[in-house]
């Protein structure tokens, strides 16, 4: 039985299903660790990412995801879209930056069935500086907004090398 998936009445467009399939093939058959999806604005990149995440969670290949998004308002939109279209893809959004709250979040992630955290890149940079999370806390990182890709790539590479 699936842990997560599309809610009843929700569906992907044909081209979205094709991209989800191609993306999963890159991960599974070609053992890729990084996949870049570039589509025009409004074509459903977020929905595609959520569908890929859903499949990887159901296949037990991802248990904790970090979603990095450039602006706080987009974090809310991302999490709202996940809840609207998918069951079982609980995400914590914009956690606060204190040692105590991070410990609560760790507990919530462990016991609630949430699949991850969605936050701004700046918030995550602050959390990393304080060493509240490490690379080992996440199986997958999704970076939204291609315009910020170079900054994100450099930061994530630094994050991976730091621990």
Foldseek 3Di string as FASTA:
>chain_A
DFLKDWDPPDDADPVLVVVLVVVVCCCPVVVDQDDDDDDDPPNQPLVSVLHNVRVCVRVVQWQEEEEAEADLVVQVVSQVVCVVTMPLAHEAEDFDDDLVSLVVVVVCSVPVSHRYYYYYPVSVVSNVVVPSDAPVVTSYYHYPDVVCVVVVVVVVVVRNVPD
